[in-house]
Amino acid sequence: QLARAVVREAYAAGASFVDVRWDDDDVQLARFE
């Protein structure tokens, strides 16, 4: 929800391209376990 709001504000501020890289706690935990 916040990431999407940041993307919209970045475009409103003049960004030419906004990309998002997603992370996930459960995916990280599964690897270490």
PDB file of all heavy atoms in Angstrom:
ATOM      1  N   GLN A   1       0.839  -1.207   0.000  1.00  0.00           N
ATOM      2  CA  GLN A   1       0.000   0.000   0.000  1.00  0.00           C
ATOM      3  C   GLN A   1       0.876   1.259   0.000  1.00  0.00           C
ATOM      4  O   GLN A   1       0.633   2.197  -0.771  1.00  0.00           O
ATOM      5  CB  GLN A   1      -0.919  -0.014   1.222  1.00  0.00           C
ATOM      6  CG  GLN A   1      -1.929   1.132   1.255  1.00  0.00           C
ATOM      7  CD  GLN A   1      -2.832   1.043   2.478  1.00  0.00           C
ATOM      8  OE1 GLN A   1      -2.490   0.420   3.494  1.00  0.00           O
ATOM      9  NE2 GLN A   1      -4.009   1.650   2.382  1.00  0.00           N
ATOM     10  N   LEU A   2       1.891   1.280   0.865  1.00  0.00           N
ATOM     11  CA  LEU A   2       2.794   2.432   0.894  1.00  0.00           C
ATOM     12  C   LEU A   2       3.642   2.496  -0.368  1.00  0.00           C
ATOM     13  O   LEU A   2       3.852   3.574  -0.935  1.00  0.00           O
ATOM     14  CB  LEU A   2       3.691   2.367   2.133  1.00  0.00           C
ATOM     15  CG  LEU A   2       4.760   3.462   2.227  1.00  0.00           C
ATOM     16  CD1 LEU A   2       4.136   4.850   2.242  1.00  0.00           C
ATOM     17  CD2 LEU A   2       5.635   3.255   3.470  1.00  0.00           C
ATOM     18  N   ALA A   3       4.137   1.351  -0.831  1.00  0.00           N
ATOM     19  CA  ALA A   3       4.976   1.336  -2.034  1.00  0.00           C
ATOM     20  C   ALA A   3       4.232   1.933  -3.224  1.00  0.00           C
ATOM     21  O   ALA A   3       4.798   2.721  -4.001  1.00  0.00           O
ATOM     22  CB  ALA A   3       5.428  -0.085  -2.348  1.00  0.00           C
ATOM     23  N   ARG A   4       2.967   1.575  -3.372  1.00  0.00           N
ATOM     24  CA  ARG A   4       2.185   2.114  -4.483  1.00  0.00           C
ATOM     25  C   ARG A   4       1.996   3.621  -4.356  1.00  0.00           C
ATOM     26  O   ARG A   4       2.035   4.352  -5.356  1.00  0.00           O
ATOM     27  CB  ARG A   4       0.834   1.396  -4.548  1.00  0.00           C
ATOM     28  CG  ARG A   4       0.954  -0.067  -4.954  1.00  0.00           C
ATOM     29  CD  ARG A   4      -0.350  -0.802  -4.740  1.00  0.00           C
ATOM     30  NE  ARG A   4      -0.183  -2.240  -5.022  1.00  0.00           N
ATOM     31  CZ  ARG A   4      -0.820  -3.206  -4.364  1.00  0.00           C
ATOM     32  NH1 ARG A   4      -1.659  -2.898  -3.371  1.00  0.00           N
ATOM     33  NH2 ARG A   4      -0.621  -4.472  -4.681  1.00  0.00           N
ATOM     34  N   ALA A   5       1.794   4.094  -3.119  1.00  0.00           N
ATOM     35  CA  ALA A   5       1.663   5.537  -2.902  1.00  0.00           C
ATOM     36  C   ALA A   5       2.960   6.266  -3.240  1.00  0.00           C
ATOM     37  O   ALA A   5       2.949   7.362  -3.818  1.00  0.00           O
ATOM     38  CB  ALA A   5       1.257   5.817  -1.455  1.00  0.00           C
ATOM     39  N   VAL A   6       4.102   5.657  -2.889  1.00  0.00           N
ATOM     40  CA  VAL A   6       5.404   6.245  -3.206  1.00  0.00           C
ATOM     41  C   VAL A   6       5.595   6.318  -4.724  1.00  0.00           C
ATOM     42  O   VAL A   6       6.089   7.318  -5.257  1.00  0.00           O
ATOM     43  CB  VAL A   6       6.542   5.443  -2.539  1.00  0.00           C
ATOM     44  CG1 VAL A   6       7.907   5.834  -3.113  1.00  0.00           C
ATOM     45  CG2 VAL A   6       6.523   5.652  -1.029  1.00  0.00           C
ATOM     46  N   VAL A   7       5.207   5.247  -5.430  1.00  0.00           N
ATOM     47  CA  VAL A   7       5.337   5.240  -6.894  1.00  0.00           C
ATOM     48  C   VAL A   7       4.558   6.406  -7.494  1.00  0.00           C
ATOM     49  O   VAL A   7       5.066   7.154  -8.348  1.00  0.00           O
ATOM     50  CB  VAL A   7       4.845   3.897  -7.474  1.00  0.00           C
ATOM     51  CG1 VAL A   7       4.711   3.996  -8.997  1.00  0.00           C
ATOM     52  CG2 VAL A   7       5.803   2.769  -7.104  1.00  0.00           C
ATOM     53  N   ARG A   8       3.332   6.603  -7.045  1.00  0.00           N
ATOM     54  CA  ARG A   8       2.509   7.684  -7.594  1.00  0.00           C
ATOM     55  C   ARG A   8       3.099   9.058  -7.268  1.00  0.00           C
ATOM     56  O   ARG A   8       3.112   9.966  -8.112  1.00  0.00           O
ATOM     57  CB  ARG A   8       1.067   7.572  -7.066  1.00  0.00           C
ATOM     58  CG  ARG A   8       0.329   6.374  -7.651  1.00  0.00           C
ATOM     59  CD  ARG A   8      -1.144   6.356  -7.278  1.00  0.00           C
ATOM     60  NE  ARG A   8      -1.841   5.321  -8.045  1.00  0.00           N
ATOM     61  CZ  ARG A   8      -2.329   5.481  -9.253  1.00  0.00           C
ATOM     62  NH1 ARG A   8      -2.192   6.666  -9.865  1.00  0.00           N
ATOM     63  NH2 ARG A   8      -2.947   4.502  -9.879  1.00  0.00           N
ATOM     64  N   GLU A   9       3.595   9.222  -6.025  1.00  0.00           N
ATOM     65  CA  GLU A   9       4.195  10.504  -5.658  1.00  0.00           C
ATOM     66  C   GLU A   9       5.475  10.756  -6.453  1.00  0.00           C
ATOM     67  O   GLU A   9       5.783  11.904  -6.799  1.00  0.00           O
ATOM     68  CB  GLU A   9       4.489  10.536  -4.159  1.00  0.00           C
ATOM     69  CG  GLU A   9       3.262  10.705  -3.281  1.00  0.00           C
ATOM     70  CD  GLU A   9       2.584  12.060  -3.453  1.00  0.00           C
ATOM     71  OE1 GLU A   9       3.268  13.029  -3.856  1.00  0.00           O
ATOM     72  OE2 GLU A   9       1.373  12.146  -3.184  1.00  0.00           O
ATOM     73  N   ALA A  10       6.232   9.695  -6.729  1.00  0.00           N
ATOM     74  CA  ALA A  10       7.472   9.860  -7.494  1.00  0.00           C
ATOM     75  C   ALA A  10       7.167  10.341  -8.914  1.00  0.00           C
ATOM     76  O   ALA A  10       7.833  11.253  -9.435  1.00  0.00           O
ATOM     77  CB  ALA A  10       8.252   8.551  -7.527  1.00  0.00           C
ATOM     78  N   TYR A  11       6.159   9.751  -9.545  1.00  0.00           N
ATOM     79  CA  TYR A  11       5.785  10.220 -10.878  1.00  0.00           C
ATOM     80  C   TYR A  11       5.271  11.662 -10.814  1.00  0.00           C
ATOM     81  O   TYR A  11       5.584  12.489 -11.692  1.00  0.00           O
ATOM     82  CB  TYR A  11       4.725   9.306 -11.491  1.00  0.00           C
ATOM     83  CG  TYR A  11       5.300   8.040 -12.111  1.00  0.00           C
ATOM     84  CD1 TYR A  11       4.861   6.781 -11.706  1.00  0.00           C
ATOM     85  CD2 TYR A  11       6.275   8.118 -13.112  1.00  0.00           C
ATOM     86  CE1 TYR A  11       5.379   5.618 -12.270  1.00  0.00           C
ATOM     87  CE2 TYR A  11       6.790   6.961 -13.685  1.00  0.00           C
ATOM     88  CZ  TYR A  11       6.353   5.725 -13.257  1.00  0.00           C
ATOM     89  OH  TYR A  11       6.879   4.582 -13.838  1.00  0.00           O
ATOM     90  N   ALA A  12       4.503  11.981  -9.784  1.00  0.00           N
ATOM     91  CA  ALA A  12       3.976  13.344  -9.641  1.00  0.00           C
ATOM     92  C   ALA A  12       5.111  14.354  -9.448  1.00  0.00           C
ATOM     93  O   ALA A  12       4.983  15.522  -9.843  1.00  0.00           O
ATOM     94  CB  ALA A  12       3.013  13.420  -8.461  1.00  0.00           C
ATOM     95  N   ALA A  13       6.226  13.902  -8.873  1.00  0.00           N
ATOM     96  CA  ALA A  13       7.372  14.781  -8.645  1.00  0.00           C
ATOM     97  C   ALA A  13       8.286  14.892  -9.867  1.00  0.00           C
ATOM     98  O   ALA A  13       9.275  15.622  -9.835  1.00  0.00           O
ATOM     99  CB  ALA A  13       8.179  14.293  -7.440  1.00  0.00           C
ATOM    100  N   GLY A  14       7.978  14.134 -10.933  1.00  0.00           N
ATOM    101  CA  GLY A  14       8.748  14.264 -12.163  1.00  0.00           C
ATOM    102  C   GLY A  14       9.616  13.087 -12.527  1.00  0.00           C
ATOM    103  O   GLY A  14      10.413  13.169 -13.468  1.00  0.00           O
ATOM    104  N   ALA A  15       9.500  11.957 -11.801  1.00  0.00           N
ATOM    105  CA  ALA A  15      10.308  10.781 -12.136  1.00  0.00           C
ATOM    106  C   ALA A  15       9.973  10.295 -13.545  1.00  0.00           C
ATOM    107  O   ALA A  15       8.815  10.326 -13.966  1.00  0.00           O
ATOM    108  CB  ALA A  15      10.061   9.657 -11.130  1.00  0.00           C
ATOM    109  N   SER A  16      10.995   9.816 -14.258  1.00  0.00           N
ATOM    110  CA  SER A  16      10.775   9.321 -15.622  1.00  0.00           C
ATOM    111  C   SER A  16      10.370   7.859 -15.640  1.00  0.00           C
ATOM    112  O   SER A  16       9.662   7.413 -16.537  1.00  0.00           O
ATOM    113  CB  SER A  16      12.052   9.504 -16.448  1.00  0.00           C
ATOM    114  OG  SER A  16      13.139   8.774 -15.874  1.00  0.00           O
ATOM    115  N   PHE A  17      10.835   7.086 -14.651  1.00  0.00           N
ATOM    116  CA  PHE A  17      10.537   5.656 -14.579  1.00  0.00           C
ATOM    117  C   PHE A  17      10.706   5.209 -13.142  1.00  0.00           C
ATOM    118  O   PHE A  17      11.713   5.518 -12.504  1.00  0.00           O
ATOM    119  CB  PHE A  17      11.484   4.875 -15.496  1.00  0.00           C
ATOM    120  CG  PHE A  17      11.380   3.370 -15.355  1.00  0.00           C
ATOM    121  CD1 PHE A  17      10.172   2.727 -15.529  1.00  0.00           C
ATOM    122  CD2 PHE A  17      12.504   2.619 -15.053  1.00  0.00           C
ATOM    123  CE1 PHE A  17      10.071   1.343 -15.394  1.00  0.00           C
ATOM    124  CE2 PHE A  17      12.421   1.230 -14.908  1.00  0.00           C
ATOM    125  CZ  PHE A  17      11.200   0.600 -15.081  1.00  0.00           C
ATOM    126  N   VAL A  18       9.696   4.525 -12.617  1.00  0.00           N
ATOM    127  CA  VAL A  18       9.745   4.030 -11.240  1.00  0.00           C
ATOM    128  C   VAL A  18       9.553   2.518 -11.269  1.00  0.00           C
ATOM    129  O   VAL A  18       8.543   2.023 -11.771  1.00  0.00           O
ATOM    130  CB  VAL A  18       8.660   4.680 -10.357  1.00  0.00           C
ATOM    131  CG1 VAL A  18       8.849   4.240  -8.901  1.00  0.00           C
ATOM    132  CG2 VAL A  18       8.691   6.191 -10.478  1.00  0.00           C
ATOM    133  N   ASP A  19      10.532   1.788 -10.738  1.00  0.00           N
ATOM    134  CA  ASP A  19      10.473   0.333 -10.691  1.00  0.00           C
ATOM    135  C   ASP A  19      10.407  -0.106  -9.235  1.00  0.00           C
ATOM    136  O   ASP A  19      10.890   0.602  -8.331  1.00  0.00           O
ATOM    137  CB  ASP A  19      11.722  -0.262 -11.362  1.00  0.00           C
ATOM    138  CG  ASP A  19      11.514  -1.712 -11.773  1.00  0.00           C
ATOM    139  OD1 ASP A  19      10.387  -2.213 -11.645  1.00  0.00           O
ATOM    140  OD2 ASP A  19      12.498  -2.337 -12.227  1.00  0.00           O
ATOM    141  N   VAL A  20       9.819  -1.271  -8.971  1.00  0.00           N
ATOM    142  CA  VAL A  20       9.690  -1.781  -7.608  1.00  0.00           C
ATOM    143  C   VAL A  20      10.324  -3.163  -7.531  1.00  0.00           C
ATOM    144  O   VAL A  20      10.075  -4.023  -8.374  1.00  0.00           O
ATOM    145  CB  VAL A  20       8.210  -1.865  -7.167  1.00  0.00           C
ATOM    146  CG1 VAL A  20       8.124  -2.397  -5.734  1.00  0.00           C
ATOM    147  CG2 VAL A  20       7.547  -0.505  -7.263  1.00  0.00           C
ATOM    148  N   ARG A  21      11.158  -3.371  -6.508  1.00  0.00           N
ATOM    149  CA  ARG A  21      11.747  -4.674  -6.214  1.00  0.00           C
ATOM    150  C   ARG A  21      11.152  -5.168  -4.912  1.00  0.00           C
ATOM    151  O   ARG A  21      11.325  -4.560  -3.867  1.00  0.00           O
ATOM    152  CB  ARG A  21      13.273  -4.536  -6.065  1.00  0.00           C
ATOM    153  CG  ARG A  21      14.024  -5.854  -6.081  1.00  0.00           C
ATOM    154  CD  ARG A  21      15.397  -5.712  -5.424  1.00  0.00           C
ATOM    155  NE  ARG A  21      15.285  -5.659  -3.972  1.00  0.00           N
ATOM    156  CZ  ARG A  21      16.321  -5.444  -3.164  1.00  0.00           C
ATOM    157  NH1 ARG A  21      17.518  -5.234  -3.655  1.00  0.00           N
ATOM    158  NH2 ARG A  21      16.145  -5.417  -1.856  1.00  0.00           N
ATOM    159  N   TRP A  22      10.430  -6.294  -4.981  1.00  0.00           N
ATOM    160  CA  TRP A  22       9.694  -6.791  -3.822  1.00  0.00           C
ATOM    161  C   TRP A  22      10.533  -7.760  -2.991  1.00  0.00           C
ATOM    162  O   TRP A  22      11.313  -8.541  -3.528  1.00  0.00           O
ATOM    163  CB  TRP A  22       8.411  -7.480  -4.277  1.00  0.00           C
ATOM    164  CG  TRP A  22       7.469  -6.588  -5.018  1.00  0.00           C
ATOM    165  CD1 TRP A  22       7.275  -6.540  -6.373  1.00  0.00           C
ATOM    166  CD2 TRP A  22       6.618  -5.590  -4.466  1.00  0.00           C
ATOM    167  NE1 TRP A  22       6.341  -5.585  -6.694  1.00  0.00           N
ATOM    168  CE2 TRP A  22       5.924  -4.972  -5.543  1.00  0.00           C
ATOM    169  CE3 TRP A  22       6.366  -5.135  -3.165  1.00  0.00           C
ATOM    170  CZ2 TRP A  22       4.999  -3.952  -5.357  1.00  0.00           C
ATOM    171  CZ3 TRP A  22       5.434  -4.115  -2.984  1.00  0.00           C
ATOM    172  CH2 TRP A  22       4.769  -3.540  -4.064  1.00  0.00           C
ATOM    173  N   ASP A  23      10.337  -7.702  -1.663  1.00  0.00           N
ATOM    174  CA  ASP A  23      10.976  -8.622  -0.719  1.00  0.00           C
ATOM    175  C   ASP A  23       9.883  -9.340   0.076  1.00  0.00           C
ATOM    176  O   ASP A  23       8.729  -8.890   0.105  1.00  0.00           O
ATOM    177  CB  ASP A  23      11.886  -7.862   0.252  1.00  0.00           C
ATOM    178  CG  ASP A  23      12.967  -7.079  -0.461  1.00  0.00           C
ATOM    179  OD1 ASP A  23      13.650  -7.656  -1.324  1.00  0.00           O
ATOM    180  OD2 ASP A  23      13.129  -5.874  -0.158  1.00  0.00           O
ATOM    181  N   ASP A  24      10.263 -10.445   0.758  1.00  0.00           N
ATOM    182  CA  ASP A  24       9.270 -11.184   1.533  1.00  0.00           C
ATOM    183  C   ASP A  24       9.946 -11.945   2.671  1.00  0.00           C
ATOM    184  O   ASP A  24      10.883 -12.725   2.448  1.00  0.00           O
ATOM    185  CB  ASP A  24       8.512 -12.157   0.632  1.00  0.00           C
ATOM    186  CG  ASP A  24       7.404 -12.876   1.381  1.00  0.00           C
ATOM    187  OD1 ASP A  24       6.375 -12.236   1.644  1.00  0.00           O
ATOM    188  OD2 ASP A  24       7.578 -14.052   1.717  1.00  0.00           O
ATOM    189  N   ASP A  25       9.491 -11.689   3.900  1.00  0.00           N
ATOM    190  CA  ASP A  25      10.049 -12.351   5.075  1.00  0.00           C
ATOM    191  C   ASP A  25       9.947 -13.871   4.987  1.00  0.00           C
ATOM    192  O   ASP A  25      10.897 -14.601   5.309  1.00  0.00           O
ATOM    193  CB  ASP A  25       9.320 -11.883   6.335  1.00  0.00           C
ATOM    194  CG  ASP A  25      10.009 -10.711   7.021  1.00  0.00           C
ATOM    195  OD1 ASP A  25      11.008 -10.199   6.477  1.00  0.00           O
ATOM    196  OD2 ASP A  25       9.541 -10.308   8.108  1.00  0.00           O
ATOM    197  N   ASP A  26       8.794 -14.388   4.586  1.00  0.00           N
ATOM    198  CA  ASP A  26       8.587 -15.839   4.575  1.00  0.00           C
ATOM    199  C   ASP A  26       9.532 -16.535   3.596  1.00  0.00           C
ATOM    200  O   ASP A  26      10.036 -17.638   3.866  1.00  0.00           O
ATOM    201  CB  ASP A  26       7.140 -16.175   4.217  1.00  0.00           C
ATOM    202  CG  ASP A  26       6.181 -15.858   5.348  1.00  0.00           C
ATOM    203  OD1 ASP A  26       6.653 -15.701   6.490  1.00  0.00           O
ATOM    204  OD2 ASP A  26       4.971 -15.758   5.095  1.00  0.00           O
ATOM    205  N   VAL A  27       9.778 -15.897   2.464  1.00  0.00           N
ATOM    206  CA  VAL A  27      10.708 -16.467   1.487  1.00  0.00           C
ATOM    207  C   VAL A  27      12.118 -16.521   2.071  1.00  0.00           C
ATOM    208  O   VAL A  27      12.839 -17.516   1.931  1.00  0.00           O
ATOM    209  CB  VAL A  27      10.689 -15.645   0.186  1.00  0.00           C
ATOM    210  CG1 VAL A  27      11.808 -16.084  -0.765  1.00  0.00           C
ATOM    211  CG2 VAL A  27       9.336 -15.790  -0.511  1.00  0.00           C
ATOM    212  N   GLN A  28      12.513 -15.444   2.763  1.00  0.00           N
ATOM    213  CA  GLN A  28      13.845 -15.413   3.362  1.00  0.00           C
ATOM    214  C   GLN A  28      13.971 -16.471   4.462  1.00  0.00           C
ATOM    215  O   GLN A  28      14.972 -17.198   4.534  1.00  0.00           O
ATOM    216  CB  GLN A  28      14.130 -14.023   3.934  1.00  0.00           C
ATOM    217  CG  GLN A  28      15.544 -13.872   4.496  1.00  0.00           C
ATOM    218  CD  GLN A  28      15.803 -12.496   5.075  1.00  0.00           C
ATOM    219  OE1 GLN A  28      14.905 -11.872   5.610  1.00  0.00           O
ATOM    220  NE2 GLN A  28      17.026 -12.029   4.965  1.00  0.00           N
ATOM    221  N   LEU A  29      12.955 -16.575   5.309  1.00  0.00           N
ATOM    222  CA  LEU A  29      12.995 -17.556   6.395  1.00  0.00           C
ATOM    223  C   LEU A  29      13.087 -18.974   5.849  1.00  0.00           C
ATOM    224  O   LEU A  29      13.841 -19.808   6.374  1.00  0.00           O
ATOM    225  CB  LEU A  29      11.758 -17.395   7.279  1.00  0.00           C
ATOM    226  CG  LEU A  29      11.632 -18.375   8.443  1.00  0.00           C
ATOM    227  CD1 LEU A  29      12.810 -18.239   9.400  1.00  0.00           C
ATOM    228  CD2 LEU A  29      10.316 -18.149   9.180  1.00  0.00           C
ATOM    229  N   ALA A  30      12.317 -19.271   4.817  1.00  0.00           N
ATOM    230  CA  ALA A  30      12.339 -20.617   4.244  1.00  0.00           C
ATOM    231  C   ALA A  30      13.741 -20.997   3.793  1.00  0.00           C
ATOM    232  O   ALA A  30      14.172 -22.147   3.972  1.00  0.00           O
ATOM    233  CB  ALA A  30      11.365 -20.692   3.066  1.00  0.00           C
ATOM    234  N   ARG A  31      14.454 -20.049   3.211  1.00  0.00           N
ATOM    235  CA  ARG A  31      15.811 -20.374   2.747  1.00  0.00           C
ATOM    236  C   ARG A  31      16.715 -20.742   3.913  1.00  0.00           C
ATOM    237  O   ARG A  31      17.417 -21.765   3.874  1.00  0.00           O
ATOM    238  CB  ARG A  31      16.408 -19.189   1.979  1.00  0.00           C
ATOM    239  CG  ARG A  31      17.795 -19.545   1.466  1.00  0.00           C
ATOM    240  CD  ARG A  31      18.516 -18.430   0.788  1.00  0.00           C
ATOM    241  NE  ARG A  31      19.795 -18.929   0.306  1.00  0.00           N
ATOM    242  CZ  ARG A  31      20.775 -18.159  -0.105  1.00  0.00           C
ATOM    243  NH1 ARG A  31      20.649 -16.851  -0.125  1.00  0.00           N
ATOM    244  NH2 ARG A  31      21.919 -18.702  -0.516  1.00  0.00           N
ATOM    245  N   PHE A  32      16.723 -19.906   4.967  1.00  0.00           N
ATOM    246  CA  PHE A  32      17.644 -20.176   6.069  1.00  0.00           C
ATOM    247  C   PHE A  32      17.258 -21.403   6.870  1.00  0.00           C
ATOM    248  O   PHE A  32      18.101 -22.032   7.505  1.00  0.00           O
ATOM    249  CB  PHE A  32      17.757 -18.940   6.971  1.00  0.00           C
ATOM    250  CG  PHE A  32      18.527 -17.816   6.339  1.00  0.00           C
ATOM    251  CD1 PHE A  32      17.906 -16.649   5.961  1.00  0.00           C
ATOM    252  CD2 PHE A  32      19.884 -17.947   6.093  1.00  0.00           C
ATOM    253  CE1 PHE A  32      18.607 -15.615   5.370  1.00  0.00           C
ATOM    254  CE2 PHE A  32      20.608 -16.930   5.494  1.00  0.00           C
ATOM    255  CZ  PHE A  32      19.969 -15.752   5.133  1.00  0.00           C
ATOM    256  N   GLU A  33      15.992 -21.799   6.819  1.00  0.00           N
ATOM    257  CA  GLU A  33      15.566 -23.018   7.506  1.00  0.00           C
ATOM    258  C   GLU A  33      15.807 -24.275   6.671  1.00  0.00           C
ATOM    259  O   GLU A  33      16.157 -25.329   7.220  1.00  0.00           O
ATOM    260  CB  GLU A  33      14.071 -22.927   7.837  1.00  0.00           C
ATOM    261  CG  GLU A  33      13.733 -21.987   8.983  1.00  0.00           C
ATOM    262  CD  GLU A  33      12.251 -21.978   9.298  1.00  0.00           C
ATOM    263  OE1 GLU A  33      11.431 -22.300   8.404  1.00  0.00           O
ATOM    264  OE2 GLU A  33      11.904 -21.644  10.450  1.00  0.00           O
TER     265      GLU A  33
END
